[in-house]
PDB file of N, CA and C in Angstrom:
ATOM      1  N   MET A   1      69.777  23.375  90.867  1.00  0.00           N
ATOM      2  CA  MET A   1      68.781  22.663  91.605  1.00  0.00           C
ATOM      3  C   MET A   1      68.510  23.332  92.953  1.00  0.00           C
ATOM      4  N   ARG A   2      69.547  23.885  93.562  1.00  0.00           N
ATOM      5  CA  ARG A   2      69.356  24.536  94.865  1.00  0.00           C
ATOM      6  C   ARG A   2      68.392  25.709  94.731  1.00  0.00           C
ATOM      7  N   ALA A   3      68.517  26.496  93.685  1.00  0.00           N
ATOM      8  CA  ALA A   3      67.603  27.623  93.482  1.00  0.00           C
ATOM      9  C   ALA A   3      66.165  27.133  93.339  1.00  0.00           C
ATOM     10  N   SER A   4      65.981  26.024  92.659  1.00  0.00           N
ATOM     11  CA  SER A   4      64.642  25.469  92.489  1.00  0.00           C
ATOM     12  C   SER A   4      64.071  24.985  93.817  1.00  0.00           C
ATOM     13  N   GLN A   5      64.926  24.439  94.685  1.00  0.00           N
ATOM     14  CA  GLN A   5      64.468  24.044  96.017  1.00  0.00           C
ATOM     15  C   GLN A   5      64.004  25.269  96.795  1.00  0.00           C
ATOM     16  N   ILE A   6      64.804  26.317  96.775  1.00  0.00           N
ATOM     17  CA  ILE A   6      64.467  27.539  97.514  1.00  0.00           C
ATOM     18  C   ILE A   6      63.181  28.149  96.970  1.00  0.00           C
ATOM     19  N   ASN A   7      63.053  28.145  95.650  1.00  0.00           N
ATOM     20  CA  ASN A   7      61.858  28.709  95.016  1.00  0.00           C
ATOM     21  C   ASN A   7      60.643  27.781  95.099  1.00  0.00           C
ATOM     22  N   GLN A   8      60.861  26.580  95.606  1.00  0.00           N
ATOM     23  CA  GLN A   8      59.798  25.589  95.777  1.00  0.00           C
ATOM     24  C   GLN A   8      59.094  25.259  94.461  1.00  0.00           C
ATOM     25  N   CYS A   9      59.904  25.094  93.422  1.00  0.00           N
ATOM     26  CA  CYS A   9      59.371  24.739  92.106  1.00  0.00           C
ATOM     27  C   CYS A   9      59.539  23.232  91.889  1.00  0.00           C
ATOM     28  N   GLY A  10      58.459  22.503  92.099  1.00  0.00           N
ATOM     29  CA  GLY A  10      58.501  21.056  91.968  1.00  0.00           C
ATOM     30  C   GLY A  10      58.908  20.596  90.580  1.00  0.00           C
ATOM     31  N   PHE A  11      58.392  21.256  89.557  1.00  0.00           N
ATOM     32  CA  PHE A  11      58.738  20.907  88.178  1.00  0.00           C
ATOM     33  C   PHE A  11      60.246  21.039  87.962  1.00  0.00           C
ATOM     34  N   CYS A  12      60.803  22.163  88.401  1.00  0.00           N
ATOM     35  CA  CYS A  12      62.233  22.418  88.190  1.00  0.00           C
ATOM     36  C   CYS A  12      63.104  21.470  89.008  1.00  0.00           C
ATOM     37  N   VAL A  13      62.714  21.190  90.258  1.00  0.00           N
ATOM     38  CA  VAL A  13      63.481  20.247  91.078  1.00  0.00           C
ATOM     39  C   VAL A  13      63.519  18.884  90.392  1.00  0.00           C
ATOM     40  N   LYS A  14      62.387  18.436  89.901  1.00  0.00           N
ATOM     41  CA  LYS A  14      62.333  17.144  89.215  1.00  0.00           C
ATOM     42  C   LYS A  14      63.231  17.144  87.977  1.00  0.00           C
ATOM     43  N   MET A  15      63.146  18.214  87.186  1.00  0.00           N
ATOM     44  CA  MET A  15      63.947  18.318  85.968  1.00  0.00           C
ATOM     45  C   MET A  15      65.447  18.332  86.299  1.00  0.00           C
ATOM     46  N   HIS A  16      65.853  19.165  87.262  1.00  0.00           N
ATOM     47  CA  HIS A  16      67.274  19.275  87.596  1.00  0.00           C
ATOM     48  C   HIS A  16      67.800  18.010  88.267  1.00  0.00           C
ATOM     49  N   THR A  17      66.955  17.337  89.030  1.00  0.00           N
ATOM     50  CA  THR A  17      67.366  16.076  89.638  1.00  0.00           C
ATOM     51  C   THR A  17      67.634  15.034  88.550  1.00  0.00           C
ATOM     52  N   ARG A  18      66.745  14.964  87.586  1.00  0.00           N
ATOM     53  CA  ARG A  18      66.925  14.024  86.469  1.00  0.00           C
ATOM     54  C   ARG A  18      68.222  14.352  85.719  1.00  0.00           C
ATOM     55  N   GLU A  19      68.426  15.632  85.429  1.00  0.00           N
ATOM     56  CA  GLU A  19      69.637  16.044  84.711  1.00  0.00           C
ATOM     57  C   GLU A  19      70.896  15.708  85.513  1.00  0.00           C
ATOM     58  N   ALA A  20      70.846  15.938  86.815  1.00  0.00           N
ATOM     59  CA  ALA A  20      72.011  15.645  87.661  1.00  0.00           C
ATOM     60  C   ALA A  20      72.322  14.153  87.666  1.00  0.00           C
ATOM     61  N   ARG A  21      71.294  13.326  87.749  1.00  0.00           N
ATOM     62  CA  ARG A  21      71.509  11.869  87.721  1.00  0.00           C
ATOM     63  C   ARG A  21      72.083  11.439  86.369  1.00  0.00           C
ATOM     64  N   GLU A  22      71.597  12.049  85.291  1.00  0.00           N
ATOM     65  CA  GLU A  22      72.128  11.733  83.959  1.00  0.00           C
ATOM     66  C   GLU A  22      73.595  12.137  83.842  1.00  0.00           C
ATOM     67  N   ALA A  23      73.990  13.138  84.630  1.00  0.00           N
ATOM     68  CA  ALA A  23      75.386  13.586  84.638  1.00  0.00           C
ATOM     69  C   ALA A  23      76.202  12.847  85.706  1.00  0.00           C
ATOM     70  N   ASN A  24      75.647  11.725  86.196  1.00  0.00           N
ATOM     71  CA  ASN A  24      76.318  10.844  87.159  1.00  0.00           C
ATOM     72  C   ASN A  24      76.467  11.425  88.557  1.00  0.00           C
ATOM     73  N   GLU A  25      75.605  12.355  88.939  1.00  0.00           N
ATOM     74  CA  GLU A  25      75.595  12.836  90.322  1.00  0.00           C
ATOM     75  C   GLU A  25      75.016  11.728  91.193  1.00  0.00           C
ATOM     76  N   THR A  26      75.513  11.619  92.417  1.00  0.00           N
ATOM     77  CA  THR A  26      75.049  10.533  93.291  1.00  0.00           C
ATOM     78  C   THR A  26      73.725  10.901  93.969  1.00  0.00           C
ATOM     79  N   ASN A  27      72.948   9.878  94.236  1.00  0.00           N
ATOM     80  CA  ASN A  27      71.690  10.084  94.957  1.00  0.00           C
ATOM     81  C   ASN A  27      71.944  10.635  96.355  1.00  0.00           C
ATOM     82  N   GLU A  28      73.050  10.209  96.970  1.00  0.00           N
ATOM     83  CA  GLU A  28      73.364  10.659  98.319  1.00  0.00           C
ATOM     84  C   GLU A  28      73.566  12.176  98.353  1.00  0.00           C
ATOM     85  N   ARG A  29      74.317  12.697  97.400  1.00  0.00           N
ATOM     86  CA  ARG A  29      74.543  14.156  97.371  1.00  0.00           C
ATOM     87  C   ARG A  29      73.259  14.895  97.026  1.00  0.00           C
ATOM     88  N   LEU A  30      72.490  14.356  96.105  1.00  0.00           N
ATOM     89  CA  LEU A  30      71.215  14.993  95.757  1.00  0.00           C
ATOM     90  C   LEU A  30      70.276  15.014  96.964  1.00  0.00           C
ATOM     91  N   ASP A  31      70.255  13.923  97.709  1.00  0.00           N
ATOM     92  CA  ASP A  31      69.401  13.856  98.892  1.00  0.00           C
ATOM     93  C   ASP A  31      69.822  14.864  99.960  1.00  0.00           C
ATOM     94  N   ARG A  32      71.107  15.141 100.051  1.00  0.00           N
ATOM     95  CA  ARG A  32      71.615  16.029 101.099  1.00  0.00           C
ATOM     96  C   ARG A  32      71.810  17.471 100.649  1.00  0.00           C
ATOM     97  N   LEU A  33      71.481  17.767  99.427  1.00  0.00           N
ATOM     98  CA  LEU A  33      71.633  19.139  98.946  1.00  0.00           C
ATOM     99  C   LEU A  33      70.835  20.127  99.801  1.00  0.00           C
ATOM    100  N   ILE A  34      69.655  19.741 100.226  1.00  0.00           N
ATOM    101  CA  ILE A  34      68.791  20.616 101.013  1.00  0.00           C
ATOM    102  C   ILE A  34      69.457  21.009 102.344  1.00  0.00           C
ATOM    103  N   VAL A  35      70.357  20.174 102.837  1.00  0.00           N
ATOM    104  CA  VAL A  35      71.045  20.455 104.102  1.00  0.00           C
ATOM    105  C   VAL A  35      72.555  20.608 103.878  1.00  0.00           C
ATOM    106  N   TRP A  36      72.924  21.213 102.786  1.00  0.00           N
ATOM    107  CA  TRP A  36      74.319  21.285 102.376  1.00  0.00           C
ATOM    108  C   TRP A  36      75.224  21.909 103.430  1.00  0.00           C
ATOM    109  N   ARG A  37      74.723  22.821 104.228  1.00  0.00           N
ATOM    110  CA  ARG A  37      75.557  23.471 105.257  1.00  0.00           C
ATOM    111  C   ARG A  37      75.946  22.507 106.382  1.00  0.00           C
ATOM    112  N   HIS A  38      75.213  21.432 106.533  1.00  0.00           N
ATOM    113  CA  HIS A  38      75.391  20.538 107.677  1.00  0.00           C
ATOM    114  C   HIS A  38      76.040  19.206 107.332  1.00  0.00           C
ATOM    115  N   VAL A  39      76.491  19.058 106.102  1.00  0.00           N
ATOM    116  CA  VAL A  39      77.142  17.817 105.682  1.00  0.00           C
ATOM    117  C   VAL A  39      78.469  18.139 105.001  1.00  0.00           C
ATOM    118  N   SER A  40      79.292  17.141 104.857  1.00  0.00           N
ATOM    119  CA  SER A  40      80.621  17.365 104.264  1.00  0.00           C
ATOM    120  C   SER A  40      80.726  16.833 102.836  1.00  0.00           C
ATOM    121  N   ASP A  41      79.598  16.690 102.161  1.00  0.00           N
ATOM    122  CA  ASP A  41      79.572  16.099 100.821  1.00  0.00           C
ATOM    123  C   ASP A  41      80.034  17.032  99.707  1.00  0.00           C
ATOM    124  N   PHE A  42      80.152  18.313  99.983  1.00  0.00           N
ATOM    125  CA  PHE A  42      80.377  19.286  98.917  1.00  0.00           C
ATOM    126  C   PHE A  42      81.742  19.944  99.059  1.00  0.00           C
ATOM    127  N   THR A  43      82.367  20.219  97.917  1.00  0.00           N
ATOM    128  CA  THR A  43      83.691  20.859  97.906  1.00  0.00           C
ATOM    129  C   THR A  43      83.563  22.306  98.349  1.00  0.00           C
ATOM    130  N   SER A  44      84.686  22.924  98.609  1.00  0.00           N
ATOM    131  CA  SER A  44      84.648  24.334  99.021  1.00  0.00           C
ATOM    132  C   SER A  44      84.096  25.206  97.897  1.00  0.00           C
ATOM    133  N   ALA A  45      84.400  24.890  96.650  1.00  0.00           N
ATOM    134  CA  ALA A  45      83.856  25.654  95.519  1.00  0.00           C
ATOM    135  C   ALA A  45      82.343  25.462  95.419  1.00  0.00           C
ATOM    136  N   GLU A  46      81.881  24.228  95.608  1.00  0.00           N
ATOM    137  CA  GLU A  46      80.440  23.978  95.579  1.00  0.00           C
ATOM    138  C   GLU A  46      79.736  24.682  96.730  1.00  0.00           C
ATOM    139  N   ARG A  47      80.354  24.649  97.899  1.00  0.00           N
ATOM    140  CA  ARG A  47      79.768  25.314  99.069  1.00  0.00           C
ATOM    141  C   ARG A  47      79.684  26.826  98.840  1.00  0.00           C
ATOM    142  N   ALA A  48      80.690  27.385  98.201  1.00  0.00           N
ATOM    143  CA  ALA A  48      80.668  28.822  97.893  1.00  0.00           C
ATOM    144  C   ALA A  48      79.533  29.138  96.925  1.00  0.00           C
ATOM    145  N   ALA A  49      79.355  28.304  95.919  1.00  0.00           N
ATOM    146  CA  ALA A  49      78.268  28.515  94.953  1.00  0.00           C
ATOM    147  C   ALA A  49      76.906  28.354  95.618  1.00  0.00           C
ATOM    148  N   LEU A  50      76.778  27.377  96.500  1.00  0.00           N
ATOM    149  CA  LEU A  50      75.513  27.167  97.214  1.00  0.00           C
ATOM    150  C   LEU A  50      75.217  28.339  98.150  1.00  0.00           C
ATOM    151  N   ALA A  51      76.236  28.823  98.839  1.00  0.00           N
ATOM    152  CA  ALA A  51      76.046  29.971  99.736  1.00  0.00           C
ATOM    153  C   ALA A  51      75.624  31.204  98.941  1.00  0.00           C
ATOM    154  N   TRP A  52      76.265  31.421  97.800  1.00  0.00           N
ATOM    155  CA  TRP A  52      75.917  32.557  96.947  1.00  0.00           C
ATOM    156  C   TRP A  52      74.473  32.444  96.477  1.00  0.00           C
ATOM    157  N   THR A  53      74.067  31.252  96.061  1.00  0.00           N
ATOM    158  CA  THR A  53      72.691  31.023  95.609  1.00  0.00           C
ATOM    159  C   THR A  53      71.709  31.300  96.737  1.00  0.00           C
ATOM    160  N   ASP A  54      72.000  30.786  97.930  1.00  0.00           N
ATOM    161  CA  ASP A  54      71.119  31.016  99.076  1.00  0.00           C
ATOM    162  C   ASP A  54      71.000  32.512  99.380  1.00  0.00           C
ATOM    163  N   GLN A  55      72.128  33.212  99.384  1.00  0.00           N
ATOM    164  CA  GLN A  55      72.128  34.648  99.695  1.00  0.00           C
ATOM    165  C   GLN A  55      71.378  35.445  98.636  1.00  0.00           C
ATOM    166  N   LEU A  56      71.640  35.147  97.382  1.00  0.00           N
ATOM    167  CA  LEU A  56      71.008  35.874  96.289  1.00  0.00           C
ATOM    168  C   LEU A  56      69.490  35.718  96.333  1.00  0.00           C
ATOM    169  N   LEU A  57      69.029  34.491  96.471  1.00  0.00           N
ATOM    170  CA  LEU A  57      67.585  34.258  96.472  1.00  0.00           C
ATOM    171  C   LEU A  57      66.928  34.750  97.754  1.00  0.00           C
ATOM    172  N   SER A  58      67.648  34.701  98.854  1.00  0.00           N
ATOM    173  CA  SER A  58      67.110  35.239 100.104  1.00  0.00           C
ATOM    174  C   SER A  58      66.890  36.745  99.970  1.00  0.00           C
ATOM    175  N   ALA A  59      67.862  37.445  99.408  1.00  0.00           N
ATOM    176  CA  ALA A  59      67.727  38.893  99.192  1.00  0.00           C
ATOM    177  C   ALA A  59      66.592  39.189  98.224  1.00  0.00           C
ATOM    178  N   PHE A  60      66.474  38.408  97.175  1.00  0.00           N
ATOM    179  CA  PHE A  60      65.417  38.593  96.187  1.00  0.00           C
ATOM    180  C   PHE A  60      64.042  38.410  96.825  1.00  0.00           C
ATOM    181  N   HIS A  61      63.892  37.343  97.615  1.00  0.00           N
ATOM    182  CA  HIS A  61      62.604  37.083  98.257  1.00  0.00           C
ATOM    183  C   HIS A  61      62.264  38.158  99.288  1.00  0.00           C
ATOM    184  N   ARG A  62      63.280  38.666 100.007  1.00  0.00           N
ATOM    185  CA  ARG A  62      63.042  39.766 100.960  1.00  0.00           C
ATOM    186  C   ARG A  62      62.591  41.015 100.221  1.00  0.00           C
ATOM    187  N   ALA A  63      63.194  41.295  99.077  1.00  0.00           N
ATOM    188  CA  ALA A  63      62.830  42.489  98.299  1.00  0.00           C
ATOM    189  C   ALA A  63      61.400  42.384  97.798  1.00  0.00           C
ATOM    190  N   ILE A  64      61.020  41.215  97.332  1.00  0.00           N
ATOM    191  CA  ILE A  64      59.647  41.027  96.858  1.00  0.00           C
ATOM    192  C   ILE A  64      58.676  41.192  98.012  1.00  0.00           C
ATOM    193  N   THR A  65      58.994  40.584  99.149  1.00  0.00           N
ATOM    194  CA  THR A  65      58.118  40.671 100.315  1.00  0.00           C
ATOM    195  C   THR A  65      57.989  42.113 100.772  1.00  0.00           C
ATOM    196  N   SER A  66      59.101  42.832 100.823  1.00  0.00           N
ATOM    197  CA  SER A  66      59.063  44.238 101.237  1.00  0.00           C
ATOM    198  C   SER A  66      58.227  45.057 100.273  1.00  0.00           C
ATOM    199  N   GLY A  67      58.424  44.845  98.992  1.00  0.00           N
ATOM    200  CA  GLY A  67      57.657  45.565  97.986  1.00  0.00           C
ATOM    201  C   GLY A  67      56.184  45.244  98.071  1.00  0.00           C
ATOM    202  N   SER A  68      55.857  43.986  98.258  1.00  0.00           N
ATOM    203  CA  SER A  68      54.463  43.579  98.360  1.00  0.00           C
ATOM    204  C   SER A  68      53.816  44.168  99.600  1.00  0.00           C
ATOM    205  N   THR A  69      54.549  44.172 100.686  1.00  0.00           N
ATOM    206  CA  THR A  69      54.022  44.721 101.936  1.00  0.00           C
ATOM    207  C   THR A  69      53.776  46.214 101.794  1.00  0.00           C
ATOM    208  N   THR A  70      54.702  46.918 101.169  1.00  0.00           N
ATOM    209  CA  THR A  70      54.542  48.352 100.967  1.00  0.00           C
ATOM    210  C   THR A  70      53.331  48.641 100.105  1.00  0.00           C
ATOM    211  N   THR A  71      53.184  47.922  99.022  1.00  0.00           N
ATOM    212  CA  THR A  71      52.040  48.108  98.130  1.00  0.00           C
ATOM    213  C   THR A  71      50.739  47.831  98.863  1.00  0.00           C
ATOM    214  N   LEU A  72      50.704  46.752  99.607  1.00  0.00           N
ATOM    215  CA  LEU A  72      49.503  46.393 100.353  1.00  0.00           C
ATOM    216  C   LEU A  72      49.181  47.461 101.397  1.00  0.00           C
ATOM    217  N   THR A  73      50.181  47.962 102.082  1.00  0.00           N
ATOM    218  CA  THR A  73      49.972  48.998 103.095  1.00  0.00           C
ATOM    219  C   THR A  73      49.384  50.256 102.474  1.00  0.00           C
ATOM    220  N   VAL A  74      49.907  50.678 101.341  1.00  0.00           N
ATOM    221  CA  VAL A  74      49.393  51.867 100.650  1.00  0.00           C
ATOM    222  C   VAL A  74      47.949  51.647 100.223  1.00  0.00           C
ATOM    223  N   MET A  75      47.669  50.481  99.665  1.00  0.00           N
ATOM    224  CA  MET A  75      46.302  50.189  99.215  1.00  0.00           C
ATOM    225  C   MET A  75      45.323  50.187 100.386  1.00  0.00           C
ATOM    226  N   LEU A  76      45.716  49.560 101.480  1.00  0.00           N
ATOM    227  CA  LEU A  76      44.835  49.517 102.644  1.00  0.00           C
ATOM    228  C   LEU A  76      44.635  50.912 103.231  1.00  0.00           C
ATOM    229  N   ALA A  77      45.697  51.698 103.274  1.00  0.00           N
ATOM    230  CA  ALA A  77      45.584  53.062 103.792  1.00  0.00           C
ATOM    231  C   ALA A  77      44.616  53.877 102.952  1.00  0.00           C
ATOM    232  N   GLN A  78      44.668  53.712 101.639  1.00  0.00           N
ATOM    233  CA  GLN A  78      43.746  54.421 100.761  1.00  0.00           C
ATOM    234  C   GLN A  78      42.306  53.976 100.981  1.00  0.00           C
ATOM    235  N   GLU A  79      42.103  52.673 101.141  1.00  0.00           N
ATOM    236  CA  GLU A  79      40.767  52.138 101.388  1.00  0.00           C
ATOM    237  C   GLU A  79      40.204  52.652 102.704  1.00  0.00           C
ATOM    238  N   ILE A  80      41.045  52.645 103.733  1.00  0.00           N
ATOM    239  CA  ILE A  80      40.599  53.128 105.046  1.00  0.00           C
ATOM    240  C   ILE A  80      40.284  54.612 104.984  1.00  0.00           C
ATOM    241  N   SER A  81      41.138  55.378 104.324  1.00  0.00           N
ATOM    242  CA  SER A  81      40.927  56.813 104.189  1.00  0.00           C
ATOM    243  C   SER A  81      39.606  57.100 103.441  1.00  0.00           C
ATOM    244  N   THR A  82      39.378  56.370 102.375  1.00  0.00           N
ATOM    245  CA  THR A  82      38.141  56.527 101.603  1.00  0.00           C
ATOM    246  C   THR A  82      36.930  56.175 102.450  1.00  0.00           C
ATOM    247  N   ALA A  83      37.016  55.096 103.210  1.00  0.00           N
ATOM    248  CA  ALA A  83      35.903  54.665 104.047  1.00  0.00           C
ATOM    249  C   ALA A  83      35.612  55.690 105.134  1.00  0.00           C
ATOM    250  N   LEU A  84      36.642  56.258 105.716  1.00  0.00           N
ATOM    251  CA  LEU A  84      36.439  57.244 106.783  1.00  0.00           C
ATOM    252  C   LEU A  84      35.847  58.548 106.254  1.00  0.00           C
ATOM    253  N   LYS A  85      36.197  58.909 105.045  1.00  0.00           N
ATOM    254  CA  LYS A  85      35.656  60.132 104.431  1.00  0.00           C
ATOM    255  C   LYS A  85      34.218  59.915 103.989  1.00  0.00           C
ATOM    256  N   GLY A  86      33.910  58.692 103.593  1.00  0.00           N
ATOM    257  CA  GLY A  86      32.629  58.365 102.971  1.00  0.00           C
ATOM    258  C   GLY A  86      31.479  58.469 103.878  1.00  0.00           C
TER     259      GLY A  86
END
C-alpha cells in the first residue's frame, strides 16, 4: 500500500486498503501509514520495509525524471539548432 501511496495510484490504494482491512489491519494504522516515520505504530521490521520502499521508489522516480529531462533537453536543443539554421 505504501508504494501505491507514493505512486499516487488511487485504484491501488483503494484495493490495498480493502485487502488490509480484510486481513484485520486497523484503521488507525492505515490512516497513519502516510506518516509512518512520525508515529510509533509500526514495528522495526515494518519500518525497515517502509524505509526500503520509500528509498526504492524515490530512486526510481529520480531516474525517470532525470531520463525525461535529458530526453527533453536533447529534443529542445535539436529544435533550436534546426530553427537557427533554418
